[in-house]
Amino acid sequence: MAQGSDSNDASYRSPSPAGRQSSSDDAKKAMRREKNRIAAQKSRMRQTQKADSLHLESESLEKENAALRKEVKQLTEEAKYLTSVLSSHEPLCAGLTPTTTDLQYPPNHHGAYHQHIAVPHYQH
Protein backbone atom coordinates (compact mmCIF):
# COMPACT_ATOMS: atom_id res chain seq x y z
CA MET A 1 0.00 0.00 0.00
CA ALA A 2 1.04 3.55 -0.61
CA GLN A 3 2.05 5.58 2.34
CA GLY A 4 -0.54 8.13 3.54
CA SER A 5 -3.41 6.35 1.84
CA ASP A 6 -4.20 4.22 4.85
CA SER A 7 -6.99 5.64 6.97
CA ASN A 8 -5.27 4.23 10.05
CA ASP A 9 -2.10 6.29 9.39
CA ALA A 10 -0.77 7.97 12.54
CA SER A 11 0.15 11.22 10.70
CA TYR A 12 -3.48 11.91 9.86
CA ARG A 13 -5.24 14.17 12.33
CA SER A 14 -8.93 14.67 12.51
CA PRO A 15 -10.36 18.05 13.40
CA SER A 16 -9.87 18.43 17.11
CA PRO A 17 -10.22 21.28 19.61
CA ALA A 18 -6.59 22.16 18.96
CA GLY A 19 -7.37 22.45 15.24
CA ARG A 20 -10.26 24.75 15.93
CA GLN A 21 -7.96 26.90 18.15
CA SER A 22 -5.54 27.30 15.25
CA SER A 23 -8.41 28.39 13.02
CA SER A 24 -9.51 30.93 15.64
CA ASP A 25 -5.94 32.29 15.88
CA ASP A 26 -5.83 32.64 12.09
CA ALA A 27 -9.09 34.60 12.15
CA LYS A 28 -7.74 36.87 14.89
CA LYS A 29 -4.55 37.45 12.91
CA ALA A 30 -6.57 38.25 9.80
CA MET A 31 -8.73 40.73 11.77
CA ARG A 32 -5.63 42.34 13.30
CA ARG A 33 -3.99 42.62 9.86
CA GLU A 34 -7.13 44.18 8.37
CA LYS A 35 -7.36 46.72 11.20
CA ASN A 36 -3.66 47.49 10.80
CA ARG A 37 -4.09 47.90 7.03
CA ILE A 38 -6.96 50.36 7.55
CA ALA A 39 -5.02 52.29 10.22
CA ALA A 40 -1.97 52.52 7.94
CA GLN A 41 -4.16 53.72 5.08
CA LYS A 42 -5.70 56.43 7.31
CA SER A 43 -2.25 57.43 8.54
CA ARG A 44 -0.96 57.80 4.98
CA MET A 45 -4.04 59.86 4.07
CA ARG A 46 -3.51 62.20 7.05
CA GLN A 47 0.16 62.54 6.16
CA THR A 48 -0.71 63.44 2.56
CA GLN A 49 -3.31 65.99 3.70
CA LYS A 50 -0.81 67.56 6.10
CA ALA A 51 1.81 67.79 3.34
CA ASP A 52 -0.75 69.40 1.00
CA SER A 53 -1.74 71.87 3.71
CA LEU A 54 1.90 72.78 4.40
CA HIS A 55 2.51 73.24 0.67
CA LEU A 56 -0.43 75.65 0.38
CA GLU A 57 0.71 77.55 3.48
CA SER A 58 4.24 77.76 2.06
CA GLU A 59 2.96 79.20 -1.22
CA SER A 60 0.83 81.73 0.65
CA LEU A 61 3.76 82.81 2.82
CA GLU A 62 6.01 83.14 -0.23
CA LYS A 63 3.45 85.45 -1.88
CA GLU A 64 3.15 87.49 1.32
CA ASN A 65 6.94 87.69 1.59
CA ALA A 66 7.23 88.93 -2.00
CA ALA A 67 4.56 91.58 -1.37
CA LEU A 68 6.33 92.73 1.80
CA ARG A 69 9.68 92.92 0.01
CA LYS A 70 8.04 95.03 -2.71
CA GLU A 71 6.56 97.32 -0.05
CA VAL A 72 9.96 97.65 1.67
CA LYS A 73 11.52 98.61 -1.67
CA GLN A 74 8.83 101.23 -2.31
CA LEU A 75 9.16 102.66 1.20
CA THR A 76 12.95 102.79 0.87
CA GLU A 77 12.60 104.70 -2.39
CA GLU A 78 10.08 107.05 -0.76
CA ALA A 79 12.44 107.64 2.18
CA LYS A 80 15.28 108.48 -0.25
CA TYR A 81 13.01 110.89 -2.11
CA LEU A 82 11.82 112.59 1.08
CA THR A 83 15.40 112.85 2.34
CA SER A 84 16.40 114.58 -0.88
CA VAL A 85 13.41 116.94 -0.66
CA LEU A 86 14.37 117.77 2.93
CA SER A 87 18.01 118.30 1.94
CA SER A 88 17.01 120.68 -0.83
CA HIS A 89 14.63 122.53 1.52
CA GLU A 90 17.04 122.93 4.48
CA PRO A 91 19.01 125.81 2.88
CA LEU A 92 15.77 127.76 2.59
CA CYS A 93 15.19 127.39 6.33
CA ALA A 94 18.77 128.32 7.36
CA GLY A 95 17.56 131.66 8.75
CA LEU A 96 15.40 129.93 11.29
CA THR A 97 17.14 129.42 14.61
CA PRO A 98 15.67 128.02 17.78
CA THR A 99 14.96 130.59 20.50
CA THR A 100 15.03 128.03 23.29
CA THR A 101 15.92 124.42 23.74
CA ASP A 102 13.84 124.02 26.91
CA LEU A 103 11.81 120.87 27.20
CA GLN A 104 8.14 121.43 26.74
CA TYR A 105 5.71 119.57 29.01
CA PRO A 106 1.97 119.81 29.19
CA PRO A 107 0.47 121.44 32.30
CA ASN A 108 0.26 119.20 35.39
CA HIS A 109 3.00 116.99 33.91
CA HIS A 110 5.48 115.71 36.44
CA GLY A 111 8.33 115.38 34.00
CA ALA A 112 8.43 111.59 34.05
CA TYR A 113 7.65 111.08 30.36
CA HIS A 114 9.54 112.20 27.27
CA GLN A 115 12.31 113.95 29.16
CA HIS A 116 14.67 113.32 26.26
CA ILE A 117 12.60 115.24 23.69
CA ALA A 118 13.53 118.89 23.16
CA VAL A 119 11.00 121.05 21.32
CA PRO A 120 12.65 124.20 19.92
CA HIS A 121 10.60 127.28 19.08
CA TYR A 122 11.39 128.96 15.76
CA GLN A 123 11.05 132.63 14.94
CA HIS A 124 10.07 133.57 11.46
C-alpha atoms as a PDB file:
ATOM      1  CA  MET A   1       0.000   0.000   0.000  1.00  0.00           C
ATOM      2  CA  ALA A   2       1.035   3.551  -0.607  1.00  0.00           C
ATOM      3  CA  GLN A   3       2.048   5.577   2.343  1.00  0.00           C
ATOM      4  CA  GLY A   4      -0.540   8.126   3.539  1.00  0.00           C
ATOM      5  CA  SER A   5      -3.405   6.355   1.843  1.00  0.00           C
ATOM      6  CA  ASP A   6      -4.197   4.222   4.854  1.00  0.00           C
ATOM      7  CA  SER A   7      -6.988   5.644   6.971  1.00  0.00           C
ATOM      8  CA  ASN A   8      -5.273   4.231  10.051  1.00  0.00           C
ATOM      9  CA  ASP A   9      -2.096   6.289   9.392  1.00  0.00           C
ATOM     10  CA  ALA A  10      -0.770   7.969  12.542  1.00  0.00           C
ATOM     11  CA  SER A  11       0.145  11.222  10.695  1.00  0.00           C
ATOM     12  CA  TYR A  12      -3.476  11.914   9.858  1.00  0.00           C
ATOM     13  CA  ARG A  13      -5.244  14.166  12.329  1.00  0.00           C
ATOM     14  CA  SER A  14      -8.930  14.668  12.515  1.00  0.00           C
ATOM     15  CA  PRO A  15     -10.358  18.049  13.403  1.00  0.00           C
ATOM     16  CA  SER A  16      -9.870  18.432  17.108  1.00  0.00           C
ATOM     17  CA  PRO A  17     -10.222  21.280  19.614  1.00  0.00           C
ATOM     18  CA  ALA A  18      -6.588  22.158  18.961  1.00  0.00           C
ATOM     19  CA  GLY A  19      -7.369  22.450  15.241  1.00  0.00           C
ATOM     20  CA  ARG A  20     -10.258  24.751  15.934  1.00  0.00           C
ATOM     21  CA  GLN A  21      -7.965  26.899  18.149  1.00  0.00           C
ATOM     22  CA  SER A  22      -5.542  27.304  15.251  1.00  0.00           C
ATOM     23  CA  SER A  23      -8.409  28.390  13.019  1.00  0.00           C
ATOM     24  CA  SER A  24      -9.511  30.926  15.645  1.00  0.00           C
ATOM     25  CA  ASP A  25      -5.936  32.289  15.877  1.00  0.00           C
ATOM     26  CA  ASP A  26      -5.827  32.644  12.094  1.00  0.00           C
ATOM     27  CA  ALA A  27      -9.094  34.598  12.148  1.00  0.00           C
ATOM     28  CA  LYS A  28      -7.738  36.872  14.888  1.00  0.00           C
ATOM     29  CA  LYS A  29      -4.547  37.447  12.909  1.00  0.00           C
ATOM     30  CA  ALA A  30      -6.568  38.249   9.801  1.00  0.00           C
ATOM     31  CA  MET A  31      -8.734  40.733  11.774  1.00  0.00           C
ATOM     32  CA  ARG A  32      -5.634  42.341  13.300  1.00  0.00           C
ATOM     33  CA  ARG A  33      -3.990  42.622   9.864  1.00  0.00           C
ATOM     34  CA  GLU A  34      -7.127  44.181   8.375  1.00  0.00           C
ATOM     35  CA  LYS A  35      -7.358  46.723  11.203  1.00  0.00           C
ATOM     36  CA  ASN A  36      -3.660  47.494  10.804  1.00  0.00           C
ATOM     37  CA  ARG A  37      -4.087  47.904   7.033  1.00  0.00           C
ATOM     38  CA  ILE A  38      -6.960  50.356   7.551  1.00  0.00           C
ATOM     39  CA  ALA A  39      -5.023  52.285  10.223  1.00  0.00           C
ATOM     40  CA  ALA A  40      -1.965  52.519   7.943  1.00  0.00           C
ATOM     41  CA  GLN A  41      -4.162  53.723   5.075  1.00  0.00           C
ATOM     42  CA  LYS A  42      -5.704  56.430   7.305  1.00  0.00           C
ATOM     43  CA  SER A  43      -2.253  57.433   8.537  1.00  0.00           C
ATOM     44  CA  ARG A  44      -0.961  57.803   4.980  1.00  0.00           C
ATOM     45  CA  MET A  45      -4.039  59.857   4.066  1.00  0.00           C
ATOM     46  CA  ARG A  46      -3.513  62.197   7.051  1.00  0.00           C
ATOM     47  CA  GLN A  47       0.161  62.538   6.163  1.00  0.00           C
ATOM     48  CA  THR A  48      -0.713  63.438   2.558  1.00  0.00           C
ATOM     49  CA  GLN A  49      -3.311  65.985   3.703  1.00  0.00           C
ATOM     50  CA  LYS A  50      -0.808  67.558   6.102  1.00  0.00           C
ATOM     51  CA  ALA A  51       1.813  67.787   3.338  1.00  0.00           C
ATOM     52  CA  ASP A  52      -0.749  69.403   0.999  1.00  0.00           C
ATOM     53  CA  SER A  53      -1.738  71.873   3.709  1.00  0.00           C
ATOM     54  CA  LEU A  54       1.895  72.777   4.401  1.00  0.00           C
ATOM     55  CA  HIS A  55       2.507  73.235   0.672  1.00  0.00           C
ATOM     56  CA  LEU A  56      -0.432  75.652   0.378  1.00  0.00           C
ATOM     57  CA  GLU A  57       0.706  77.554   3.478  1.00  0.00           C
ATOM     58  CA  SER A  58       4.236  77.758   2.064  1.00  0.00           C
ATOM     59  CA  GLU A  59       2.956  79.199  -1.223  1.00  0.00           C
ATOM     60  CA  SER A  60       0.830  81.731   0.646  1.00  0.00           C
ATOM     61  CA  LEU A  61       3.764  82.810   2.820  1.00  0.00           C
ATOM     62  CA  GLU A  62       6.011  83.143  -0.232  1.00  0.00           C
ATOM     63  CA  LYS A  63       3.454  85.449  -1.877  1.00  0.00           C
ATOM     64  CA  GLU A  64       3.149  87.493   1.316  1.00  0.00           C
ATOM     65  CA  ASN A  65       6.942  87.689   1.594  1.00  0.00           C
ATOM     66  CA  ALA A  66       7.226  88.925  -1.997  1.00  0.00           C
ATOM     67  CA  ALA A  67       4.563  91.583  -1.366  1.00  0.00           C
ATOM     68  CA  LEU A  68       6.329  92.730   1.802  1.00  0.00           C
ATOM     69  CA  ARG A  69       9.683  92.918   0.008  1.00  0.00           C
ATOM     70  CA  LYS A  70       8.036  95.026  -2.710  1.00  0.00           C
ATOM     71  CA  GLU A  71       6.565  97.316  -0.048  1.00  0.00           C
ATOM     72  CA  VAL A  72       9.961  97.651   1.674  1.00  0.00           C
ATOM     73  CA  LYS A  73      11.521  98.611  -1.671  1.00  0.00           C
ATOM     74  CA  GLN A  74       8.833 101.227  -2.314  1.00  0.00           C
ATOM     75  CA  LEU A  75       9.161 102.661   1.197  1.00  0.00           C
ATOM     76  CA  THR A  76      12.952 102.793   0.870  1.00  0.00           C
ATOM     77  CA  GLU A  77      12.603 104.700  -2.393  1.00  0.00           C
ATOM     78  CA  GLU A  78      10.083 107.052  -0.763  1.00  0.00           C
ATOM     79  CA  ALA A  79      12.443 107.638   2.185  1.00  0.00           C
ATOM     80  CA  LYS A  80      15.277 108.481  -0.250  1.00  0.00           C
ATOM     81  CA  TYR A  81      13.006 110.892  -2.105  1.00  0.00           C
ATOM     82  CA  LEU A  82      11.817 112.591   1.079  1.00  0.00           C
ATOM     83  CA  THR A  83      15.400 112.855   2.344  1.00  0.00           C
ATOM     84  CA  SER A  84      16.404 114.576  -0.883  1.00  0.00           C
ATOM     85  CA  VAL A  85      13.408 116.940  -0.658  1.00  0.00           C
ATOM     86  CA  LEU A  86      14.373 117.768   2.927  1.00  0.00           C
ATOM     87  CA  SER A  87      18.008 118.300   1.940  1.00  0.00           C
ATOM     88  CA  SER A  88      17.007 120.684  -0.825  1.00  0.00           C
ATOM     89  CA  HIS A  89      14.627 122.533   1.522  1.00  0.00           C
ATOM     90  CA  GLU A  90      17.039 122.932   4.480  1.00  0.00           C
ATOM     91  CA  PRO A  91      19.011 125.807   2.885  1.00  0.00           C
ATOM     92  CA  LEU A  92      15.772 127.765   2.589  1.00  0.00           C
ATOM     93  CA  CYS A  93      15.189 127.385   6.330  1.00  0.00           C
ATOM     94  CA  ALA A  94      18.767 128.318   7.362  1.00  0.00           C
ATOM     95  CA  GLY A  95      17.558 131.657   8.748  1.00  0.00           C
ATOM     96  CA  LEU A  96      15.400 129.932  11.291  1.00  0.00           C
ATOM     97  CA  THR A  97      17.143 129.417  14.611  1.00  0.00           C
ATOM     98  CA  PRO A  98      15.674 128.023  17.781  1.00  0.00           C
ATOM     99  CA  THR A  99      14.960 130.587  20.496  1.00  0.00           C
ATOM    100  CA  THR A 100      15.025 128.031  23.287  1.00  0.00           C
ATOM    101  CA  THR A 101      15.923 124.416  23.744  1.00  0.00           C
ATOM    102  CA  ASP A 102      13.843 124.020  26.905  1.00  0.00           C
ATOM    103  CA  LEU A 103      11.815 120.866  27.195  1.00  0.00           C
ATOM    104  CA  GLN A 104       8.143 121.429  26.744  1.00  0.00           C
ATOM    105  CA  TYR A 105       5.712 119.575  29.011  1.00  0.00           C
ATOM    106  CA  PRO A 106       1.970 119.807  29.193  1.00  0.00           C
ATOM    107  CA  PRO A 107       0.473 121.436  32.304  1.00  0.00           C
ATOM    108  CA  ASN A 108       0.262 119.198  35.387  1.00  0.00           C
ATOM    109  CA  HIS A 109       2.996 116.989  33.910  1.00  0.00           C
ATOM    110  CA  HIS A 110       5.484 115.710  36.435  1.00  0.00           C
ATOM    111  CA  GLY A 111       8.333 115.383  34.003  1.00  0.00           C
ATOM    112  CA  ALA A 112       8.433 111.589  34.052  1.00  0.00           C
ATOM    113  CA  TYR A 113       7.655 111.082  30.359  1.00  0.00           C
ATOM    114  CA  HIS A 114       9.538 112.198  27.266  1.00  0.00           C
ATOM    115  CA  GLN A 115      12.312 113.952  29.160  1.00  0.00           C
ATOM    116  CA  HIS A 116      14.672 113.321  26.256  1.00  0.00           C
ATOM    117  CA  ILE A 117      12.602 115.240  23.687  1.00  0.00           C
ATOM    118  CA  ALA A 118      13.531 118.887  23.161  1.00  0.00           C
ATOM    119  CA  VAL A 119      11.005 121.051  21.318  1.00  0.00           C
ATOM    120  CA  PRO A 120      12.649 124.198  19.923  1.00  0.00           C
ATOM    121  CA  HIS A 121      10.596 127.284  19.085  1.00  0.00           C
ATOM    122  CA  TYR A 122      11.385 128.959  15.764  1.00  0.00           C
ATOM    123  CA  GLN A 123      11.054 132.633  14.941  1.00  0.00           C
ATOM    124  CA  HIS A 124      10.067 133.568  11.459  1.00  0.00           C
END
